[in-house]
């Protein structure tokens, strides 16, 4: 007791501050989850994934990103709408959720998990939503380098058929680029030069911007991606939905020869258009491959990645890696 009372006030204050910081660091970061094309934020599958994350890191608050509180509208909006407006709306919505803010600082700081197109939407959100701080961005089966083709729709999937019907022959029209969601991350390349086509650079409503592919580049995008601790990209080695599947690793695939140019050999990395080089140089890029077709996940795969890359702020993270799951 005498030892405690003999401590200088400043020392006691510092000790209490350290204890408070340790308590906050021990709490898991909130997790935001953005679903894919044709899905909805309140689907049982989404909530089972959230429950899994919470079981691995008890106390995790999970927020399911939605573009409309009506789940039918939310699903429709995965096919139709202006992605730029959707991302602006999500940014505003996140700021109104108190559970996503750190109690001791008020910062909007989270981990982020995106499935299929939800992965590149989260990346766009990170780049554009100034108040949002993300520690780990994890994407499964996403299309960071866009898509070059579309998988045929199911027989009764009228939303899918409507979207693809509008894209055929009209993908670069102003209307389609502001109303059809998959069109806004469609990307065409000149196979002879390996460079994106002029019409893509001119007309792309979303992807060309968030990838900073145009001559005028947004420096804030670089800062936001470089500020991540980890960017975990998981692709599916038998993916028949994402064309090409290597898009999930930012790779370029020649449509004629099939030759793959990895991210580290592309200008987007070498010239650091969006901060990937800075992130890679500090060991923040993780490339993982999952066996199976698009979104064929099991709990074992999810548990492994959730355990390693989500959870308390104070967790040590794995080294940069490229591996099969």
Protein backbone atom coordinates (compact mmCIF):
# COMPACT_ATOMS: atom_id res chain seq x y z
CA UNK A 1 0.00 0.00 0.00
CA UNK A 2 2.78 2.41 0.86
CA UNK A 3 4.47 1.69 -2.43
CA UNK A 4 1.31 2.70 -4.29
CA UNK A 5 0.86 5.95 -2.38
CA UNK A 6 4.52 6.80 -2.87
CA UNK A 7 4.24 6.70 -6.66
CA UNK A 8 4.28 10.12 -8.31
CA UNK A 9 0.90 11.18 -9.73
CA UNK A 10 2.28 11.22 -13.28
CA UNK A 11 3.41 7.62 -12.93
CA UNK A 12 -0.02 6.54 -11.69
CA UNK A 13 -1.69 8.39 -14.56
CA UNK A 14 0.60 6.74 -17.08
CA UNK A 15 -0.10 3.31 -15.63
CA UNK A 16 -3.85 3.88 -15.79
CA UNK A 17 -3.57 5.10 -19.37
CA UNK A 18 -1.56 2.02 -20.32
CA UNK A 19 -4.16 -0.22 -18.68
CA UNK A 20 -6.95 1.56 -20.57
CA UNK A 21 -5.12 1.23 -23.87
CA UNK A 22 -4.46 -2.45 -23.25
CA UNK A 23 -8.15 -3.02 -22.53
CA UNK A 24 -9.20 -1.34 -25.78
CA UNK A 25 -6.53 -3.19 -27.77
CA UNK A 26 -7.84 -6.51 -26.43
CA UNK A 27 -11.31 -5.91 -27.91
CA UNK A 28 -11.85 -7.18 -31.47
CA UNK A 29 -12.31 -4.58 -34.17
CA UNK A 30 -15.80 -4.37 -35.68
CA UNK A 31 -16.23 -6.19 -38.98
CA UNK A 32 -18.11 -4.88 -42.01
CA UNK A 33 -19.22 -7.44 -44.61
CA UNK A 34 -20.28 -6.68 -48.19
CA UNK A 35 -22.03 -9.46 -50.10
CA UNK A 36 -21.83 -10.31 -53.77
CA UNK A 37 -23.95 -10.15 -56.92
CA UNK A 38 -27.46 -11.53 -56.47
CA UNK A 39 -27.15 -11.79 -52.70
CA UNK A 40 -28.69 -9.69 -49.94
CA UNK A 41 -27.42 -8.31 -46.67
CA UNK A 42 -29.81 -10.28 -44.47
CA UNK A 43 -29.31 -13.65 -46.14
CA UNK A 44 -28.80 -16.58 -43.79
CA UNK A 45 -25.43 -17.32 -45.39
CA UNK A 46 -24.13 -13.84 -44.64
CA UNK A 47 -25.24 -14.00 -41.04
CA UNK A 48 -23.74 -17.45 -40.55
CA UNK A 49 -20.40 -16.00 -41.66
CA UNK A 50 -20.81 -13.15 -39.20
CA UNK A 51 -21.62 -15.61 -36.44
CA UNK A 52 -18.48 -17.57 -37.31
CA UNK A 53 -16.35 -14.43 -37.03
CA UNK A 54 -17.91 -13.66 -33.65
CA UNK A 55 -17.31 -17.20 -32.41
CA UNK A 56 -13.62 -16.95 -33.29
CA UNK A 57 -13.21 -13.48 -31.79
CA UNK A 58 -15.97 -13.12 -29.16
CA UNK A 59 -17.36 -9.63 -28.91
CA UNK A 60 -16.94 -8.83 -32.62
CA UNK A 61 -19.64 -6.46 -33.83
CA UNK A 62 -20.61 -7.37 -37.39
CA UNK A 63 -22.26 -4.89 -39.74
CA UNK A 64 -23.73 -6.19 -42.99
CA UNK A 65 -23.37 -3.57 -45.70
CA UNK A 66 -26.59 -2.79 -47.51
CA UNK A 67 -27.67 -0.28 -50.13
CA UNK A 68 -31.27 -0.45 -48.95
CA UNK A 69 -32.84 -1.69 -45.73
CA UNK A 70 -35.38 -3.58 -47.82
CA UNK A 71 -33.61 -6.83 -48.65
CA UNK A 72 -35.32 -7.28 -52.02
CA UNK A 73 -34.19 -3.81 -53.06
CA UNK A 74 -30.72 -4.56 -51.72
CA UNK A 75 -30.52 -7.61 -54.00
CA UNK A 76 -31.82 -5.65 -56.98
CA UNK A 77 -29.17 -3.02 -56.33
CA UNK A 78 -26.44 -5.62 -56.83
CA UNK A 79 -27.48 -5.64 -60.50
CA UNK A 80 -28.81 -2.14 -61.10
CA UNK A 81 -27.74 1.27 -59.85
CA UNK A 82 -24.92 3.78 -59.83
CA UNK A 83 -22.00 2.35 -57.86
CA UNK A 84 -20.67 5.79 -57.06
CA UNK A 85 -23.94 6.77 -55.39
CA UNK A 86 -24.15 3.41 -53.63
CA UNK A 87 -20.68 3.84 -52.14
CA UNK A 88 -21.45 7.39 -51.05
CA UNK A 89 -24.57 6.09 -49.32
CA UNK A 90 -22.70 3.30 -47.56
CA UNK A 91 -20.06 5.75 -46.36
CA UNK A 92 -22.76 7.93 -44.79
CA UNK A 93 -24.54 4.92 -43.28
CA UNK A 94 -21.39 3.60 -41.61
CA UNK A 95 -20.78 6.93 -39.90
CA UNK A 96 -24.19 6.65 -38.23
CA UNK A 97 -23.44 3.27 -36.59
CA UNK A 98 -21.97 3.95 -33.12
CA UNK A 99 -20.79 0.36 -32.67
CA UNK A 100 -18.30 0.84 -35.50
CA UNK A 101 -16.48 3.60 -33.63
CA UNK A 102 -13.64 3.05 -31.18
CA UNK A 103 -14.84 3.90 -27.68
CA UNK A 104 -11.62 5.63 -26.60
CA UNK A 105 -11.03 7.72 -29.76
CA UNK A 106 -14.30 7.87 -31.67
CA UNK A 107 -12.47 6.71 -34.80
CA UNK A 108 -14.42 4.77 -37.41
CA UNK A 109 -11.97 1.84 -37.49
CA UNK A 110 -12.90 -1.64 -38.66
CA UNK A 111 -11.88 -4.79 -40.48
CA UNK A 112 -13.59 -5.40 -43.84
CA UNK A 113 -14.67 -8.60 -45.60
CA UNK A 114 -15.93 -8.64 -49.18
CA UNK A 115 -17.35 -11.50 -51.22
CA UNK A 116 -17.13 -11.44 -55.02
CA UNK A 117 -18.04 -7.94 -56.28
CA UNK A 118 -18.41 -6.79 -52.68
CA UNK A 119 -14.62 -6.99 -52.43
CA UNK A 120 -13.85 -4.30 -54.99
CA UNK A 121 -16.77 -2.24 -53.68
CA UNK A 122 -15.18 -2.28 -50.22
CA UNK A 123 -11.88 -1.22 -51.73
CA UNK A 124 -13.59 1.66 -53.47
CA UNK A 125 -15.28 2.54 -50.19
CA UNK A 126 -11.94 2.57 -48.37
CA UNK A 127 -10.41 4.82 -51.01
CA UNK A 128 -13.29 7.29 -51.08
CA UNK A 129 -14.78 7.31 -47.57
CA UNK A 130 -12.46 9.73 -45.80
CA UNK A 131 -13.51 9.00 -42.18
CA UNK A 132 -13.24 5.23 -42.60
CA UNK A 133 -10.10 3.53 -41.29
CA UNK A 134 -9.64 -0.14 -42.19
CA UNK A 135 -6.99 -2.38 -40.68
CA UNK A 136 -7.50 -5.56 -42.74
CA UNK A 137 -9.31 -5.79 -46.08
CA UNK A 138 -10.09 -9.40 -47.00
CA UNK A 139 -11.69 -10.30 -50.33
CA UNK A 140 -12.91 -13.65 -51.61
CA UNK A 141 -13.33 -14.23 -55.34
CA UNK A 142 -13.33 -10.53 -56.17
CA UNK A 143 -12.69 -8.73 -59.45
CA UNK A 144 -10.09 -6.09 -58.57
CA UNK A 145 -8.83 -5.96 -62.16
CA UNK A 146 -12.33 -6.13 -63.58
CA UNK A 147 -14.07 -8.74 -65.70
CA UNK A 148 -13.68 -9.52 -69.38
CA UNK A 149 -16.79 -11.66 -69.72
CA UNK A 150 -19.99 -12.77 -68.04
CA UNK A 151 -21.14 -16.20 -66.98
CA UNK A 152 -24.56 -17.24 -68.41
CA UNK A 153 -27.48 -16.44 -66.11
CA UNK A 154 -29.68 -19.05 -64.50
CA UNK A 155 -32.91 -19.91 -66.31
CA UNK A 156 -35.16 -17.94 -63.96
CA UNK A 157 -32.74 -15.22 -62.88
CA UNK A 158 -34.53 -12.31 -64.53
CA UNK A 159 -32.43 -9.64 -62.81
CA UNK A 160 -29.25 -11.21 -64.16
CA UNK A 161 -30.74 -11.56 -67.64
CA UNK A 162 -31.87 -7.96 -67.60
CA UNK A 163 -28.41 -6.70 -66.62
CA UNK A 164 -26.52 -8.80 -69.15
CA UNK A 165 -29.03 -7.93 -71.85
CA UNK A 166 -28.36 -4.23 -71.35
CA UNK A 167 -24.60 -4.82 -71.44
CA UNK A 168 -24.56 -6.66 -74.77
CA UNK A 169 -23.42 -4.19 -77.37
CA UNK A 170 -24.01 -1.23 -75.06
CA UNK A 171 -21.55 -1.72 -72.22
CA UNK A 172 -19.81 1.63 -72.77
CA UNK A 173 -22.94 3.73 -73.12
CA UNK A 174 -23.40 6.40 -70.46
CA UNK A 175 -26.70 4.85 -69.43
CA UNK A 176 -25.30 1.36 -68.86
CA UNK A 177 -22.21 2.70 -67.08
CA UNK A 178 -24.42 4.50 -64.57
CA UNK A 179 -27.22 1.95 -64.22
CA UNK A 180 -25.85 -1.61 -64.60
CA UNK A 181 -23.57 -2.63 -61.75
CA UNK A 182 -21.41 -5.36 -63.41
CA UNK A 183 -20.80 -3.03 -66.36
CA UNK A 184 -19.09 -0.59 -64.03
CA UNK A 185 -16.26 -3.04 -63.37
CA UNK A 186 -16.12 -4.45 -66.92
CA UNK A 187 -12.67 -3.92 -68.41
CA UNK A 188 -11.25 -4.34 -71.92
CA UNK A 189 -7.58 -4.66 -72.87
CA UNK A 190 -5.72 -4.48 -76.15
CA UNK A 191 -4.11 -7.93 -76.22
CA UNK A 192 -1.40 -6.72 -78.60
CA UNK A 193 -0.16 -4.01 -76.24
CA UNK A 194 -1.41 -5.27 -72.89
CA UNK A 195 -2.87 -1.83 -72.20
CA UNK A 196 -6.47 -1.01 -71.32
CA UNK A 197 -8.52 0.18 -74.27
CA UNK A 198 -9.20 3.86 -74.77
CA UNK A 199 -12.95 3.34 -74.57
CA UNK A 200 -12.60 1.68 -71.15
CA UNK A 201 -10.45 4.51 -69.81
CA UNK A 202 -12.87 7.09 -71.15
CA UNK A 203 -16.20 5.48 -70.30
CA UNK A 204 -15.67 3.24 -67.24
CA UNK A 205 -18.04 4.45 -64.56
CA UNK A 206 -16.19 2.98 -61.60
CA UNK A 207 -13.24 0.61 -62.00
CA UNK A 208 -10.90 2.86 -63.99
CA UNK A 209 -11.28 5.46 -61.25
CA UNK A 210 -10.70 3.29 -58.18
CA UNK A 211 -7.73 1.65 -59.92
CA UNK A 212 -6.31 5.10 -60.75
CA UNK A 213 -5.77 4.03 -64.36
CA UNK A 214 -6.41 7.42 -65.92
CA UNK A 215 -3.73 10.07 -66.47
CA UNK A 216 -5.00 12.20 -63.60
CA UNK A 217 -4.65 10.17 -60.43
CA UNK A 218 -6.21 10.62 -57.02
CA UNK A 219 -3.42 10.74 -54.42
CA UNK A 220 -5.84 10.09 -51.56
CA UNK A 221 -6.53 6.60 -52.95
CA UNK A 222 -2.82 5.82 -52.61
CA UNK A 223 -2.75 6.98 -49.02
CA UNK A 224 -5.84 5.03 -47.98
CA UNK A 225 -4.73 1.67 -49.41
CA UNK A 226 -1.15 2.10 -48.20
CA UNK A 227 -2.55 2.70 -44.70
CA UNK A 228 -4.00 -0.83 -44.51
CA UNK A 229 -2.12 -3.31 -42.35
CA UNK A 230 -3.16 -6.27 -44.50
CA UNK A 231 -4.88 -6.74 -47.84
CA UNK A 232 -5.79 -10.43 -48.08
CA UNK A 233 -6.89 -11.56 -51.56
CA UNK A 234 -8.35 -15.05 -51.93
CA UNK A 235 -9.11 -16.48 -55.37
CA UNK A 236 -10.71 -19.81 -56.33
CA UNK A 237 -8.55 -22.04 -58.51
CA UNK A 238 -11.53 -23.49 -60.42
CA UNK A 239 -13.57 -20.28 -60.57
CA UNK A 240 -15.90 -20.29 -63.58
CA UNK A 241 -17.80 -17.15 -62.58
CA UNK A 242 -15.03 -14.56 -62.43
CA UNK A 243 -13.56 -14.09 -65.91
CA UNK A 244 -10.59 -14.09 -65.53
CA UNK A 245 -10.25 -15.55 -62.03
CA UNK A 246 -6.79 -13.97 -61.61
CA UNK A 247 -8.50 -10.59 -61.41
CA UNK A 248 -8.86 -11.27 -57.69
CA UNK A 249 -5.06 -10.85 -57.42
CA UNK A 250 -4.94 -7.77 -59.71
CA UNK A 251 -3.28 -9.90 -62.40
CA UNK A 252 -3.62 -9.14 -66.12
CA UNK A 253 -4.61 -12.04 -68.39
CA UNK A 254 -4.04 -11.85 -72.15
CA UNK A 255 -7.31 -12.82 -73.77
CA UNK A 256 -5.57 -14.30 -76.81
CA UNK A 257 -2.58 -16.16 -75.39
CA UNK A 258 -3.78 -16.69 -71.84
CA UNK A 259 -0.47 -15.33 -70.51
CA UNK A 260 -0.77 -13.99 -66.97
CA UNK A 261 1.07 -10.87 -65.84
CA UNK A 262 1.16 -10.80 -62.02
CA UNK A 263 0.44 -7.65 -60.08
CA UNK A 264 4.10 -7.03 -59.21
CA UNK A 265 4.99 -6.69 -62.92
CA UNK A 266 2.18 -4.30 -63.77
CA UNK A 267 2.26 -0.48 -63.80
CA UNK A 268 -0.46 -0.28 -61.14
CA UNK A 269 2.11 -1.77 -58.75
CA UNK A 270 5.42 -0.56 -60.17
CA UNK A 271 4.21 3.05 -60.33
CA UNK A 272 2.11 2.60 -57.17
CA UNK A 273 -1.12 3.97 -58.57
CA UNK A 274 -3.22 3.00 -55.53
CA UNK A 275 -0.71 2.25 -52.77
CA UNK A 276 -0.27 -1.48 -53.39
CA UNK A 277 3.50 -1.19 -53.75
CA UNK A 278 3.85 0.70 -50.48
CA UNK A 279 1.63 -1.89 -48.81
CA UNK A 280 3.58 -4.76 -50.36
CA UNK A 281 6.92 -3.37 -49.25
CA UNK A 282 5.79 -3.48 -45.63
CA UNK A 283 4.54 -7.08 -45.99
CA UNK A 284 0.89 -6.14 -46.19
CA UNK A 285 -0.17 -8.04 -49.33
CA UNK A 286 -1.40 -11.62 -48.90
CA UNK A 287 -2.29 -13.80 -51.90
CA UNK A 288 -4.23 -16.97 -51.11
CA UNK A 289 -5.81 -19.61 -53.31
CA UNK A 290 -8.84 -21.67 -52.35
CA UNK A 291 -9.67 -24.96 -54.06
CA UNK A 292 -12.99 -25.10 -55.86
CA UNK A 293 -15.36 -22.98 -57.89
CA UNK A 294 -16.62 -19.49 -57.11
CA UNK A 295 -17.61 -19.02 -53.46
CA UNK A 296 -17.24 -22.71 -52.60
CA UNK A 297 -16.23 -22.05 -49.03
CA UNK A 298 -16.16 -24.17 -45.94
CA UNK A 299 -15.78 -23.22 -42.30
CA UNK A 300 -12.20 -24.50 -42.20
CA UNK A 301 -11.07 -21.95 -44.80
CA UNK A 302 -12.98 -19.09 -43.21
CA UNK A 303 -11.82 -19.95 -39.70
CA UNK A 304 -8.17 -19.95 -40.76
CA UNK A 305 -8.29 -16.51 -42.35
CA UNK A 306 -10.60 -14.96 -39.75
CA UNK A 307 -8.41 -16.19 -36.91
CA UNK A 308 -5.22 -14.82 -38.43
CA UNK A 309 -6.33 -11.47 -39.82
CA UNK A 310 -9.31 -10.29 -37.74
CA UNK A 311 -9.75 -9.80 -34.01
CA UNK A 312 -8.11 -7.46 -31.48
CA UNK A 313 -6.08 -4.48 -32.62
CA UNK A 314 -3.04 -5.75 -30.71
CA UNK A 315 -2.86 -9.06 -32.61
CA UNK A 316 0.34 -9.86 -34.44
CA UNK A 317 -0.25 -10.48 -38.13
CA UNK A 318 1.20 -13.09 -40.45
CA UNK A 319 3.91 -12.27 -42.97
CA UNK A 320 3.21 -11.53 -46.60
CA UNK A 321 2.45 -14.81 -48.25
CA UNK A 322 1.12 -16.60 -51.30
CA UNK A 323 -0.34 -19.99 -50.61
CA UNK A 324 -3.15 -22.48 -51.06
CA UNK A 325 -5.74 -22.78 -48.32
